[in-house]
Amino acid sequence: MDLRILSPEDIFPRRPKWRFEPEIPDYFAMYSSLWGGVVKDPALMVIPLDDHMVHRGDGIFEAFKCVNGRIYNFDAHLSRLENSARLISLNPPFDLETIKEITLKTVAIAGVKDCRIRIYVSRGLGNAFSCSPVGCRSQLYIVVLKESAPPPYHYTEGASAITSCILTKPSFFAQVKSCNYLPNALAHLEAHEKGADFAIILDQRGYLAEGPTQSIAIVDHQKIFKYPKLDNILKGTTLFRAVALAEELIKAGELKSISSSDISQEEAYRSLEILAFTVGIAVVPIVKYDEKVIGAGKPGPVFHHLLELFHKDYTENMELLTPVPYDEITNG
């Protein structure tokens, strides 16, 4: 097979066929600190192969959403990004305020009001694929993409889950939102192969920890909202909002209290409700776990009330909604 050297002109007219409708692309815009600007063509949304984030998983990220032109819970995600960077001694190329400004402008350039946003801070390029991060120059990548939603039956009928054979990462690594997600990906695959919607990962002691990309909580028969101890899981921003919103259910008498504690599989099996939380889904009820029916086998009252509170939070809680400056951006 003969190979020839390709020029950019050879490659770009032969852009890959992306799996989306032409009128509604999955990817709206990407910022790269390497190029110092934003691109809107998905074929140009690339990261160098010798970036440590690509060949070593040496980077961190955050994922959040924009609802009707306002980014939800932005500062909490930036704070966790900063904490992840600190834990792994990664110096971002910009301070948080600059990252925030670049993110807002990238969303404005994308020109969409409802979308997902992902921020990546990589260790960067350098050292010719060496494992050593010494000498690498960190980079910032921001992607604005189509909002996604779980299947409607998750909310109307409830979802299923299995216990994964993959154990959670050790405590230190569990608290870093790193780009090394191989265990998470394998747990996702395991759930798919077993015909379940979600996988639940146990910690090193055998207690419930989290899903591949979800936080997990239960409601027990004493009406206590319980979630795993924070030293064994990623500190989920959506879980923290759920804890804050659940205070309203305590005031209404629908919950007795909130507790962070060890949760065994048996306790989960016997619970009234199991709930999964993440940015994209807010909250989803798990009505079958390891083939065992949970509670009444249908979405429960705590789920319904939390979902209502989340929808209100997304649209009315101005303290957590950062407006995107669309009017300041001219799309060329």
Protein backbone atom coordinates (compact mmCIF):
# COMPACT_ATOMS: atom_id res chain seq x y z
CA MET A 1 0.00 0.00 0.00
CA ASP A 2 1.51 3.30 -1.08
CA LEU A 3 1.32 6.22 1.32
CA ARG A 4 1.64 9.87 0.45
CA ILE A 5 2.17 12.96 2.53
CA LEU A 6 -1.07 14.86 2.97
CA SER A 7 -1.48 18.61 3.16
CA PRO A 8 -4.24 20.39 5.13
CA GLU A 9 -5.98 20.98 1.80
CA ASP A 10 -6.05 17.21 1.26
CA ILE A 11 -7.57 16.51 4.67
CA PHE A 12 -10.11 19.20 5.34
CA PRO A 13 -12.26 18.72 2.20
CA ARG A 14 -12.56 15.07 3.27
CA ARG A 15 -13.96 15.82 6.69
CA PRO A 16 -15.32 12.76 8.50
CA LYS A 17 -19.01 12.02 8.35
CA TRP A 18 -20.32 13.00 11.76
CA ARG A 19 -23.27 11.18 13.24
CA PHE A 20 -25.71 14.05 13.41
CA GLU A 21 -28.26 15.83 11.30
CA PRO A 22 -26.64 18.64 9.28
CA GLU A 23 -29.06 21.22 10.66
CA ILE A 24 -28.48 20.25 14.31
CA PRO A 25 -24.84 19.31 14.92
CA ASP A 26 -23.69 17.65 18.13
CA TYR A 27 -20.72 20.00 18.50
CA PHE A 28 -21.22 23.75 18.32
CA ALA A 29 -17.86 25.30 19.22
CA MET A 30 -14.44 24.53 20.68
CA TYR A 31 -11.83 26.78 22.25
CA SER A 32 -8.18 25.70 22.32
CA SER A 33 -5.47 27.60 24.16
CA LEU A 34 -3.01 25.96 21.78
CA TRP A 35 -4.51 27.91 18.88
CA GLY A 36 -5.76 30.83 20.95
CA GLY A 37 -9.23 30.89 19.45
CA VAL A 38 -12.55 29.16 18.76
CA VAL A 39 -13.55 26.88 15.88
CA LYS A 40 -17.10 25.91 14.92
CA ASP A 41 -16.38 23.14 12.42
CA PRO A 42 -16.36 19.78 14.27
CA ALA A 43 -13.60 18.51 11.96
CA LEU A 44 -11.29 21.16 13.43
CA MET A 45 -12.05 20.31 17.07
CA VAL A 46 -8.83 18.42 17.64
CA ILE A 47 -6.27 17.82 20.39
CA PRO A 48 -2.65 16.91 19.61
CA LEU A 49 -1.86 13.24 20.10
CA ASP A 50 1.18 14.08 22.24
CA ASP A 51 -0.89 16.01 24.78
CA HIS A 52 -0.51 14.15 28.08
CA MET A 53 -4.30 14.16 28.43
CA VAL A 54 -4.55 11.99 25.30
CA HIS A 55 -1.81 9.42 25.81
CA ARG A 56 -1.73 9.28 29.65
CA GLY A 57 -5.14 10.53 30.79
CA ASP A 58 -3.18 13.27 32.56
CA GLY A 59 -5.72 16.04 32.76
CA ILE A 60 -8.89 17.15 34.51
CA PHE A 61 -12.32 18.22 33.32
CA GLU A 62 -15.71 19.58 34.30
CA ALA A 63 -19.07 19.14 32.59
CA PHE A 64 -22.08 21.37 33.15
CA LYS A 65 -25.04 22.84 31.32
CA CYS A 66 -26.45 26.04 29.95
CA VAL A 67 -30.21 26.45 30.32
CA ASN A 68 -31.98 29.18 28.35
CA GLY A 69 -28.80 31.20 28.00
CA ARG A 70 -27.58 30.85 31.58
CA ILE A 71 -24.89 28.50 32.86
CA TYR A 72 -26.08 26.53 35.87
CA ASN A 73 -23.96 26.19 39.02
CA PHE A 74 -20.88 27.49 37.17
CA ASP A 75 -18.85 28.58 40.19
CA ALA A 76 -19.22 25.18 41.90
CA HIS A 77 -17.75 23.49 38.83
CA LEU A 78 -14.90 25.98 38.60
CA SER A 79 -14.16 25.46 42.29
CA ARG A 80 -13.98 21.69 41.80
CA LEU A 81 -11.78 22.18 38.73
CA GLU A 82 -9.41 24.25 40.85
CA ASN A 83 -9.39 21.57 43.56
CA SER A 84 -8.66 18.79 41.06
CA ALA A 85 -5.78 20.83 39.63
CA ARG A 86 -4.37 21.42 43.10
CA LEU A 87 -4.56 17.75 44.05
CA ILE A 88 -2.51 16.60 41.05
CA SER A 89 -0.14 19.62 40.97
CA LEU A 90 -1.45 20.82 37.61
CA ASN A 91 -1.02 24.53 36.87
CA PRO A 92 -3.74 25.67 34.45
CA PRO A 93 -2.66 28.10 31.73
CA PHE A 94 -5.07 30.74 33.07
CA ASP A 95 -6.58 31.74 36.40
CA LEU A 96 -10.20 30.85 37.20
CA GLU A 97 -11.62 34.22 36.23
CA THR A 98 -9.98 34.04 32.81
CA ILE A 99 -11.20 30.46 32.32
CA LYS A 100 -14.69 31.65 33.26
CA GLU A 101 -14.51 34.53 30.76
CA ILE A 102 -13.23 32.29 27.95
CA THR A 103 -15.98 29.75 28.66
CA LEU A 104 -18.74 32.36 28.53
CA LYS A 105 -17.42 33.81 25.29
CA THR A 106 -17.09 30.36 23.72
CA VAL A 107 -20.73 29.59 24.52
CA ALA A 108 -21.71 32.99 23.13
CA ILE A 109 -19.82 32.27 19.90
CA ALA A 110 -21.60 28.89 19.71
CA GLY A 111 -24.82 30.90 19.69
CA VAL A 112 -26.98 28.33 21.48
CA LYS A 113 -29.11 28.84 24.58
CA ASP A 114 -29.44 25.21 25.73
CA CYS A 115 -26.30 23.10 25.63
CA ARG A 116 -23.67 21.20 27.53
CA ILE A 117 -20.19 22.59 28.20
CA ARG A 118 -17.04 20.65 28.95
CA ILE A 119 -13.84 22.25 30.23
CA TYR A 120 -10.60 20.29 29.95
CA VAL A 121 -7.29 21.31 31.49
CA SER A 122 -4.51 19.07 30.23
CA ARG A 123 -0.96 18.62 31.44
CA GLY A 124 -0.15 19.61 27.90
CA LEU A 125 2.39 18.91 25.24
CA GLY A 126 5.99 17.92 25.75
CA ASN A 127 8.51 15.14 26.30
CA ALA A 128 7.69 13.16 23.16
CA PHE A 129 5.10 10.80 24.68
CA SER A 130 7.12 10.27 27.87
CA CYS A 131 5.21 9.33 31.00
CA SER A 132 6.96 12.14 32.86
CA PRO A 133 4.91 15.34 33.03
CA VAL A 134 7.99 17.45 33.73
CA GLY A 135 8.38 20.11 31.09
CA CYS A 136 4.83 19.88 29.73
CA ARG A 137 2.92 23.09 29.03
CA SER A 138 -0.69 22.92 30.26
CA GLN A 139 -3.52 23.64 27.85
CA LEU A 140 -7.18 24.62 28.11
CA TYR A 141 -9.87 23.14 25.87
CA ILE A 142 -13.55 24.08 26.03
CA VAL A 143 -16.26 22.29 24.05
CA VAL A 144 -19.88 23.39 23.61
CA LEU A 145 -22.12 20.55 22.50
CA LYS A 146 -25.71 19.48 22.13
CA GLU A 147 -27.69 18.90 25.29
CA SER A 148 -28.65 15.31 25.88
CA ALA A 149 -31.48 13.76 27.86
CA PRO A 150 -32.02 10.24 29.17
CA PRO A 151 -34.78 8.07 27.70
CA PRO A 152 -38.22 9.29 28.85
CA TYR A 153 -38.93 5.96 30.57
CA HIS A 154 -36.21 6.74 33.13
CA TYR A 155 -38.54 9.37 34.56
CA THR A 156 -41.88 7.67 33.98
CA GLU A 157 -41.06 4.04 34.76
CA GLY A 158 -37.67 4.22 36.43
CA ALA A 159 -34.24 2.83 35.56
CA SER A 160 -32.36 -0.34 36.43
CA ALA A 161 -28.88 -0.83 37.88
CA ILE A 162 -26.40 -3.60 38.59
CA THR A 163 -23.46 -3.80 40.97
CA SER A 164 -20.28 -3.47 38.95
CA CYS A 165 -17.35 -5.82 39.38
CA ILE A 166 -15.15 -2.72 39.04
CA LEU A 167 -14.21 -1.22 42.41
CA THR A 168 -14.01 2.51 42.93
CA LYS A 169 -10.70 4.29 42.72
CA PRO A 170 -8.71 4.78 45.94
CA SER A 171 -9.85 7.77 47.98
CA PHE A 172 -7.31 10.28 46.63
CA PHE A 173 -8.02 9.50 42.97
CA ALA A 174 -11.78 9.27 43.55
CA GLN A 175 -11.78 12.93 44.55
CA VAL A 176 -10.00 14.10 41.38
CA LYS A 177 -12.18 14.60 38.31
CA SER A 178 -9.43 13.35 36.04
CA CYS A 179 -9.56 12.28 32.41
CA ASN A 180 -8.46 8.76 33.36
CA TYR A 181 -11.91 7.16 33.19
CA LEU A 182 -11.05 3.61 32.17
CA PRO A 183 -12.69 2.02 35.27
CA ASN A 184 -15.76 4.18 34.71
CA ALA A 185 -15.93 3.22 31.04
CA LEU A 186 -15.65 -0.48 31.89
CA ALA A 187 -18.45 -0.16 34.46
CA HIS A 188 -20.64 1.52 31.82
CA LEU A 189 -19.88 -1.32 29.43
CA GLU A 190 -20.68 -3.91 32.08
CA ALA A 191 -24.10 -2.35 32.70
CA HIS A 192 -24.84 -2.31 28.97
CA GLU A 193 -23.81 -5.94 28.53
CA LYS A 194 -26.07 -6.98 31.42
CA GLY A 195 -29.05 -5.04 30.08
CA ALA A 196 -29.07 -2.40 32.84
CA ASP A 197 -29.26 1.37 32.60
CA PHE A 198 -26.65 2.08 35.25
CA ALA A 199 -23.82 0.44 37.15
CA ILE A 200 -23.20 1.08 40.84
CA ILE A 201 -19.58 0.85 41.92
CA LEU A 202 -18.65 -0.27 45.42
CA ASP A 203 -15.79 1.18 47.46
CA GLN A 204 -12.82 -0.84 48.69
CA ARG A 205 -14.81 -1.95 51.76
CA GLY A 206 -17.86 -3.11 49.83
CA TYR A 207 -20.16 -0.12 50.43
CA LEU A 208 -21.99 1.83 47.73
CA ALA A 209 -19.79 4.54 46.23
CA GLU A 210 -21.04 5.97 42.94
CA GLY A 211 -21.95 5.26 39.35
CA PRO A 212 -19.53 5.66 36.43
CA THR A 213 -20.74 9.23 35.96
CA GLN A 214 -23.45 9.47 38.62
CA SER A 215 -23.71 10.11 42.33
CA ILE A 216 -25.92 7.68 44.24
CA ALA A 217 -28.23 8.15 47.21
CA ILE A 218 -31.03 6.21 48.89
CA VAL A 219 -34.12 6.98 50.94
CA ASP A 220 -34.51 4.45 53.77
CA HIS A 221 -37.64 3.38 55.64
CA GLN A 222 -37.04 6.02 58.31
CA LYS A 223 -37.27 8.62 55.51
CA ILE A 224 -33.58 9.46 55.81
CA PHE A 225 -31.87 10.67 52.64
CA LYS A 226 -28.48 8.92 52.66
CA TYR A 227 -25.47 9.31 50.40
CA PRO A 228 -21.98 7.72 50.63
CA LYS A 229 -19.18 9.24 52.67
CA LEU A 230 -17.41 11.91 50.68
CA ASP A 231 -13.89 10.57 51.18
CA ASN A 232 -14.70 7.61 48.91
CA ILE A 233 -16.43 9.41 46.03
CA LEU A 234 -16.15 12.38 43.73
CA LYS A 235 -17.87 15.35 45.32
CA GLY A 236 -20.76 15.57 42.88
CA THR A 237 -22.04 19.09 42.25
CA THR A 238 -25.51 17.76 41.43
CA LEU A 239 -25.50 15.61 44.57
CA PHE A 240 -24.63 18.67 46.66
CA ARG A 241 -27.50 20.57 45.08
CA ALA A 242 -29.80 17.61 45.80
CA VAL A 243 -28.73 17.71 49.45
CA ALA A 244 -29.51 21.42 49.60
CA LEU A 245 -32.87 20.97 47.85
CA ALA A 246 -33.75 18.01 50.09
CA GLU A 247 -33.83 20.44 53.01
CA GLU A 248 -37.11 21.67 51.53
CA LEU A 249 -38.48 18.14 51.78
CA ILE A 250 -37.51 17.99 55.45
CA LYS A 251 -39.42 21.22 56.07
CA ALA A 252 -42.42 19.72 54.27
CA GLY A 253 -42.22 16.56 56.40
CA GLU A 254 -41.43 14.30 53.44
CA LEU A 255 -37.96 13.49 54.75
CA LYS A 256 -36.79 13.11 58.32
CA SER A 257 -33.11 13.95 57.87
CA ILE A 258 -30.06 13.83 55.59
CA SER A 259 -27.03 11.68 56.30
CA SER A 260 -23.65 10.92 54.73
CA SER A 261 -22.83 7.37 55.80
CA ASP A 262 -21.79 3.91 54.68
CA ILE A 263 -24.53 2.21 52.63
CA SER A 264 -24.42 -1.56 52.20
CA GLN A 265 -25.94 -3.39 49.26
CA GLU A 266 -28.53 -4.97 51.56
CA GLU A 267 -29.57 -1.55 52.85
CA ALA A 268 -29.93 -0.35 49.26
CA TYR A 269 -32.01 -3.40 48.34
CA ARG A 270 -34.38 -2.66 51.25
CA SER A 271 -34.60 1.10 50.63
CA LEU A 272 -37.72 2.96 49.58
CA GLU A 273 -35.90 4.76 46.75
CA ILE A 274 -32.51 4.71 45.04
CA LEU A 275 -31.60 7.90 43.20
CA ALA A 276 -28.90 8.68 40.63
CA PHE A 277 -27.64 12.24 40.16
CA THR A 278 -25.56 13.92 37.46
CA VAL A 279 -25.60 17.17 35.52
CA GLY A 280 -27.20 15.77 32.39
CA ILE A 281 -30.05 13.90 34.09
CA ALA A 282 -30.51 15.89 37.33
CA VAL A 283 -32.09 12.96 39.16
CA VAL A 284 -33.29 9.55 37.94
CA PRO A 285 -35.02 6.87 40.05
CA ILE A 286 -33.55 3.37 40.10
CA VAL A 287 -36.46 0.97 40.61
CA LYS A 288 -34.58 -2.30 40.08
CA TYR A 289 -31.12 -3.03 41.50
CA ASP A 290 -29.41 -6.38 40.89
CA GLU A 291 -32.81 -7.69 39.74
CA LYS A 292 -34.36 -6.72 43.10
CA VAL A 293 -37.38 -4.41 43.07
CA ILE A 294 -36.77 -1.22 45.01
CA GLY A 295 -39.61 0.16 47.08
CA ALA A 296 -42.87 0.04 45.18
CA GLY A 297 -41.07 -0.68 41.90
CA LYS A 298 -41.86 2.73 40.43
CA PRO A 299 -40.55 6.30 40.77
CA GLY A 300 -41.14 7.46 44.32
CA PRO A 301 -42.26 10.73 45.92
CA VAL A 302 -38.78 11.97 46.84
CA PHE A 303 -37.68 11.56 43.22
CA HIS A 304 -40.73 13.46 41.92
CA HIS A 305 -40.29 16.33 44.36
CA LEU A 306 -36.53 16.61 43.81
CA LEU A 307 -37.04 16.66 40.03
CA GLU A 308 -39.51 19.53 40.40
CA LEU A 309 -37.07 21.39 42.63
CA PHE A 310 -34.23 20.87 40.15
CA HIS A 311 -36.31 22.23 37.27
CA LYS A 312 -37.09 25.28 39.36
CA ASP A 313 -33.41 25.61 40.32
CA TYR A 314 -32.38 25.51 36.64
CA THR A 315 -34.66 28.36 35.69
CA GLU A 316 -35.33 30.54 38.74
CA ASN A 317 -32.34 30.39 41.11
CA MET A 318 -30.50 33.45 39.83
CA GLU A 319 -27.72 32.99 42.41
CA LEU A 320 -26.66 29.87 40.49
CA LEU A 321 -27.34 31.09 36.94
CA THR A 322 -24.57 32.93 35.06
CA PRO A 323 -25.80 34.76 31.95
CA VAL A 324 -23.93 34.22 28.68
CA PRO A 325 -22.94 37.52 26.95
CA TYR A 326 -24.38 36.74 23.51
CA ASP A 327 -24.80 40.41 22.66
CA GLU A 328 -21.09 41.06 23.12
CA ILE A 329 -20.07 38.52 20.50
CA THR A 330 -20.18 38.96 16.73
CA ASN A 331 -20.03 35.66 14.87
CA GLY A 332 -17.91 36.14 11.80
